[in-house]
Structures are given as C-alpha cells and as structure tokens.
Amino acid sequence: MSDHMTVLVTGGAGYIGSHMVLALLDAGHQPVVLDDFSTGHEQLVPNGVPVFRGNVADAGWWRRFATAMKLMRWHILPRHCGA
C-alpha cells in the first residue's frame, strides 16, 4: 500500500493553509484546496494543486464536490487552516 495521500486543505489559499499545502507537497502527498477566497488568494496555491471555491458550511456544495472528486480515501485534517 502506498503512503501517498490526497488531503483536503480547507482554507488552503490563506497564509497558514498555503504553507500546509507546501508541506504536503514536500512530503509527497496530493493536497486539494477548498477556499471561499474571502481572505485567501489563489496565487498562494502552487500550480498543479486542484482548487475548489466553496464553503465548508454549504452541505449542497459538499455533495457536488464529493461527486466530482470520487475519492476513495480521505485523510481529514483536524483543523481548518484559517483564522
């Protein structure tokens, strides 16, 4: 089994979240960014990292996201990477 993980980083276009994305890439993982861009900036997300605009509080968005991604294995970080 591979140690490669696909990890959803909420707030990944913010200062803290973007550093989490870089750390995940450096460790060989595939981050996926979810941000509503209320304070985040798309230019903080490295090229090639999937970015989804949305809000974690929107249940309908989550259903659409899950359908689009069809990921078999998720590793949920215990905290949102925002303020």
N, C-alpha and C. Protein backbone atom coordinates (compact mmCIF):
# COMPACT_ATOMS: atom_id res chain seq x y z
N MET A 1 0.83 -1.17 0.00
CA MET A 1 0.00 0.00 0.00
C MET A 1 0.88 1.25 0.00
N SER A 2 0.50 2.23 -0.77
CA SER A 2 1.26 3.47 -0.89
C SER A 2 0.99 4.38 0.30
N ASP A 3 2.00 5.16 0.67
CA ASP A 3 1.83 6.15 1.73
C ASP A 3 1.34 7.47 1.17
N HIS A 4 1.13 7.54 -0.14
CA HIS A 4 0.64 8.75 -0.79
C HIS A 4 -0.80 9.01 -0.35
N MET A 5 -1.08 10.23 0.06
CA MET A 5 -2.43 10.60 0.48
C MET A 5 -2.92 11.79 -0.33
N THR A 6 -4.21 11.81 -0.59
CA THR A 6 -4.87 13.01 -1.11
C THR A 6 -5.53 13.66 0.09
N VAL A 7 -5.17 14.92 0.35
CA VAL A 7 -5.60 15.60 1.57
C VAL A 7 -6.33 16.89 1.21
N LEU A 8 -7.54 17.04 1.72
CA LEU A 8 -8.30 18.26 1.53
C LEU A 8 -7.84 19.29 2.55
N VAL A 9 -7.40 20.45 2.07
CA VAL A 9 -6.94 21.53 2.94
C VAL A 9 -7.95 22.66 2.84
N THR A 10 -8.78 22.80 3.87
CA THR A 10 -9.73 23.91 3.88
C THR A 10 -8.99 25.17 4.29
N GLY A 11 -9.29 26.26 3.60
CA GLY A 11 -8.55 27.49 3.85
C GLY A 11 -7.17 27.45 3.22
N GLY A 12 -6.99 26.60 2.21
CA GLY A 12 -5.68 26.38 1.61
C GLY A 12 -5.12 27.53 0.80
N ALA A 13 -5.91 28.57 0.57
CA ALA A 13 -5.42 29.74 -0.17
C ALA A 13 -5.05 30.88 0.77
N GLY A 14 -5.07 30.61 2.06
CA GLY A 14 -4.66 31.60 3.04
C GLY A 14 -3.20 31.40 3.43
N TYR A 15 -2.72 32.21 4.33
CA TYR A 15 -1.31 32.15 4.73
C TYR A 15 -0.96 30.80 5.35
N ILE A 16 -1.69 30.38 6.36
CA ILE A 16 -1.38 29.12 7.05
C ILE A 16 -1.67 27.93 6.14
N GLY A 17 -2.84 27.95 5.51
CA GLY A 17 -3.23 26.85 4.64
C GLY A 17 -2.27 26.64 3.48
N SER A 18 -1.79 27.74 2.89
CA SER A 18 -0.87 27.61 1.75
C SER A 18 0.45 26.98 2.20
N HIS A 19 0.87 27.25 3.42
CA HIS A 19 2.08 26.60 3.94
C HIS A 19 1.84 25.12 4.21
N MET A 20 0.62 24.78 4.64
CA MET A 20 0.27 23.37 4.81
C MET A 20 0.31 22.66 3.45
N VAL A 21 -0.19 23.31 2.42
CA VAL A 21 -0.16 22.75 1.07
C VAL A 21 1.28 22.47 0.64
N LEU A 22 2.17 23.43 0.86
CA LEU A 22 3.59 23.24 0.51
C LEU A 22 4.21 22.08 1.28
N ALA A 23 3.89 21.97 2.56
CA ALA A 23 4.43 20.88 3.38
C ALA A 23 3.93 19.52 2.88
N LEU A 24 2.66 19.46 2.50
CA LEU A 24 2.11 18.21 1.98
C LEU A 24 2.78 17.83 0.66
N LEU A 25 2.98 18.80 -0.22
CA LEU A 25 3.68 18.53 -1.48
C LEU A 25 5.10 18.05 -1.22
N ASP A 26 5.80 18.71 -0.31
CA ASP A 26 7.18 18.30 0.03
C ASP A 26 7.24 16.88 0.57
N ALA A 27 6.16 16.46 1.25
CA ALA A 27 6.11 15.11 1.82
C ALA A 27 5.61 14.07 0.81
N GLY A 28 5.32 14.51 -0.42
CA GLY A 28 4.91 13.56 -1.45
C GLY A 28 3.42 13.31 -1.53
N HIS A 29 2.62 14.13 -0.89
CA HIS A 29 1.18 13.95 -0.91
C HIS A 29 0.53 14.87 -1.93
N GLN A 30 -0.75 14.65 -2.20
CA GLN A 30 -1.51 15.48 -3.14
C GLN A 30 -2.54 16.31 -2.37
N PRO A 31 -2.25 17.59 -2.13
CA PRO A 31 -3.26 18.43 -1.49
C PRO A 31 -4.32 18.86 -2.49
N VAL A 32 -5.53 19.04 -1.98
CA VAL A 32 -6.65 19.60 -2.73
C VAL A 32 -7.15 20.76 -1.89
N VAL A 33 -7.25 21.94 -2.48
CA VAL A 33 -7.59 23.15 -1.72
C VAL A 33 -9.07 23.47 -1.85
N LEU A 34 -9.69 23.75 -0.71
CA LEU A 34 -11.04 24.30 -0.65
C LEU A 34 -10.93 25.65 0.04
N ASP A 35 -11.40 26.70 -0.61
CA ASP A 35 -11.36 28.03 -0.02
C ASP A 35 -12.51 28.85 -0.58
N ASP A 36 -13.06 29.74 0.23
CA ASP A 36 -14.10 30.64 -0.28
C ASP A 36 -13.52 31.96 -0.74
N PHE A 37 -12.22 32.14 -0.57
CA PHE A 37 -11.47 33.31 -1.02
C PHE A 37 -11.97 34.61 -0.40
N SER A 38 -12.57 34.50 0.79
CA SER A 38 -12.96 35.72 1.50
C SER A 38 -11.72 36.46 2.00
N THR A 39 -10.69 35.70 2.36
CA THR A 39 -9.41 36.32 2.75
C THR A 39 -8.23 35.66 2.05
N GLY A 40 -8.44 34.52 1.41
CA GLY A 40 -7.35 33.81 0.74
C GLY A 40 -7.07 34.38 -0.64
N HIS A 41 -5.96 33.95 -1.22
CA HIS A 41 -5.52 34.43 -2.53
C HIS A 41 -5.08 33.25 -3.38
N GLU A 42 -5.66 33.13 -4.56
CA GLU A 42 -5.36 31.99 -5.42
C GLU A 42 -3.88 31.90 -5.79
N GLN A 43 -3.18 33.02 -5.85
CA GLN A 43 -1.76 32.98 -6.21
C GLN A 43 -0.90 32.33 -5.12
N LEU A 44 -1.45 32.12 -3.93
CA LEU A 44 -0.70 31.42 -2.87
C LEU A 44 -0.70 29.90 -3.06
N VAL A 45 -1.58 29.41 -3.93
CA VAL A 45 -1.68 27.97 -4.17
C VAL A 45 -0.74 27.60 -5.32
N PRO A 46 0.17 26.65 -5.09
CA PRO A 46 1.11 26.26 -6.15
C PRO A 46 0.40 25.73 -7.39
N ASN A 47 1.02 25.95 -8.55
CA ASN A 47 0.48 25.41 -9.81
C ASN A 47 0.33 23.90 -9.71
N GLY A 48 -0.75 23.40 -10.30
CA GLY A 48 -0.99 21.97 -10.32
C GLY A 48 -1.80 21.44 -9.16
N VAL A 49 -2.02 22.26 -8.14
CA VAL A 49 -2.83 21.84 -7.00
C VAL A 49 -4.29 22.17 -7.31
N PRO A 50 -5.18 21.18 -7.27
CA PRO A 50 -6.59 21.46 -7.54
C PRO A 50 -7.17 22.44 -6.52
N VAL A 51 -7.91 23.43 -7.01
CA VAL A 51 -8.52 24.45 -6.16
C VAL A 51 -10.02 24.45 -6.40
N PHE A 52 -10.78 24.38 -5.31
CA PHE A 52 -12.23 24.44 -5.38
C PHE A 52 -12.71 25.62 -4.55
N ARG A 53 -13.56 26.44 -5.16
CA ARG A 53 -14.13 27.58 -4.46
C ARG A 53 -15.41 27.10 -3.79
N GLY A 54 -15.48 27.25 -2.47
CA GLY A 54 -16.66 26.82 -1.74
C GLY A 54 -16.53 27.11 -0.27
N ASN A 55 -17.57 26.74 0.46
CA ASN A 55 -17.64 27.00 1.89
C ASN A 55 -17.98 25.69 2.59
N VAL A 56 -17.25 25.35 3.63
CA VAL A 56 -17.47 24.09 4.34
C VAL A 56 -18.85 24.01 4.97
N ALA A 57 -19.52 25.13 5.16
CA ALA A 57 -20.85 25.13 5.78
C ALA A 57 -21.97 24.84 4.78
N ASP A 58 -21.65 24.74 3.50
CA ASP A 58 -22.66 24.53 2.45
C ASP A 58 -22.77 23.04 2.14
N ALA A 59 -23.80 22.39 2.68
CA ALA A 59 -23.98 20.94 2.50
C ALA A 59 -24.15 20.58 1.03
N GLY A 60 -24.86 21.40 0.28
CA GLY A 60 -25.05 21.13 -1.14
C GLY A 60 -23.74 21.15 -1.90
N TRP A 61 -22.87 22.06 -1.53
CA TRP A 61 -21.56 22.13 -2.17
C TRP A 61 -20.78 20.86 -1.90
N TRP A 62 -20.83 20.36 -0.68
CA TRP A 62 -20.11 19.12 -0.33
C TRP A 62 -20.58 17.95 -1.19
N ARG A 63 -21.89 17.84 -1.41
CA ARG A 63 -22.40 16.75 -2.25
C ARG A 63 -21.84 16.88 -3.67
N ARG A 64 -21.85 18.07 -4.22
CA ARG A 64 -21.33 18.27 -5.57
C ARG A 64 -19.82 17.99 -5.62
N PHE A 65 -19.10 18.41 -4.60
CA PHE A 65 -17.66 18.19 -4.52
C PHE A 65 -17.35 16.70 -4.46
N ALA A 66 -18.05 15.98 -3.59
CA ALA A 66 -17.80 14.54 -3.45
C ALA A 66 -18.07 13.80 -4.75
N THR A 67 -19.12 14.19 -5.44
CA THR A 67 -19.43 13.57 -6.73
C THR A 67 -18.34 13.86 -7.74
N ALA A 68 -17.85 15.10 -7.76
CA ALA A 68 -16.82 15.49 -8.72
C ALA A 68 -15.49 14.78 -8.44
N MET A 69 -15.12 14.66 -7.20
CA MET A 69 -13.81 14.09 -6.85
C MET A 69 -13.79 12.57 -6.89
N LYS A 70 -14.85 11.92 -6.43
CA LYS A 70 -14.93 10.46 -6.40
C LYS A 70 -13.69 9.84 -5.77
N LEU A 71 -13.27 10.41 -4.67
CA LEU A 71 -12.08 9.90 -4.00
C LEU A 71 -12.43 8.72 -3.10
N MET A 72 -11.60 7.71 -3.13
CA MET A 72 -11.83 6.52 -2.33
C MET A 72 -11.27 6.67 -0.92
N ARG A 73 -10.23 7.47 -0.77
CA ARG A 73 -9.52 7.52 0.50
C ARG A 73 -9.30 8.98 0.88
N TRP A 74 -9.82 9.38 2.02
CA TRP A 74 -9.68 10.75 2.50
C TRP A 74 -8.96 10.74 3.84
N HIS A 75 -8.16 11.74 4.05
CA HIS A 75 -7.48 11.94 5.33
C HIS A 75 -7.84 13.34 5.77
N ILE A 76 -8.69 13.45 6.77
CA ILE A 76 -9.20 14.74 7.19
C ILE A 76 -8.29 15.34 8.25
N LEU A 77 -7.84 16.55 8.00
CA LEU A 77 -7.04 17.26 8.99
C LEU A 77 -7.96 17.71 10.12
N PRO A 78 -7.47 17.74 11.34
CA PRO A 78 -8.35 18.06 12.46
C PRO A 78 -8.77 19.52 12.54
N ARG A 79 -8.15 20.40 11.77
CA ARG A 79 -8.48 21.82 11.88
C ARG A 79 -8.55 22.47 10.51
N HIS A 80 -9.36 23.49 10.45
CA HIS A 80 -9.43 24.36 9.29
C HIS A 80 -8.18 25.25 9.33
N CYS A 81 -7.58 25.50 8.20
CA CYS A 81 -6.33 26.28 8.16
C CYS A 81 -6.60 27.77 8.01
N GLY A 82 -7.63 28.25 8.63
CA GLY A 82 -7.95 29.67 8.58
C GLY A 82 -7.99 30.26 9.97
N ALA A 83 -8.24 31.54 10.01
CA ALA A 83 -8.27 32.24 11.29
C ALA A 83 -9.57 31.98 12.02
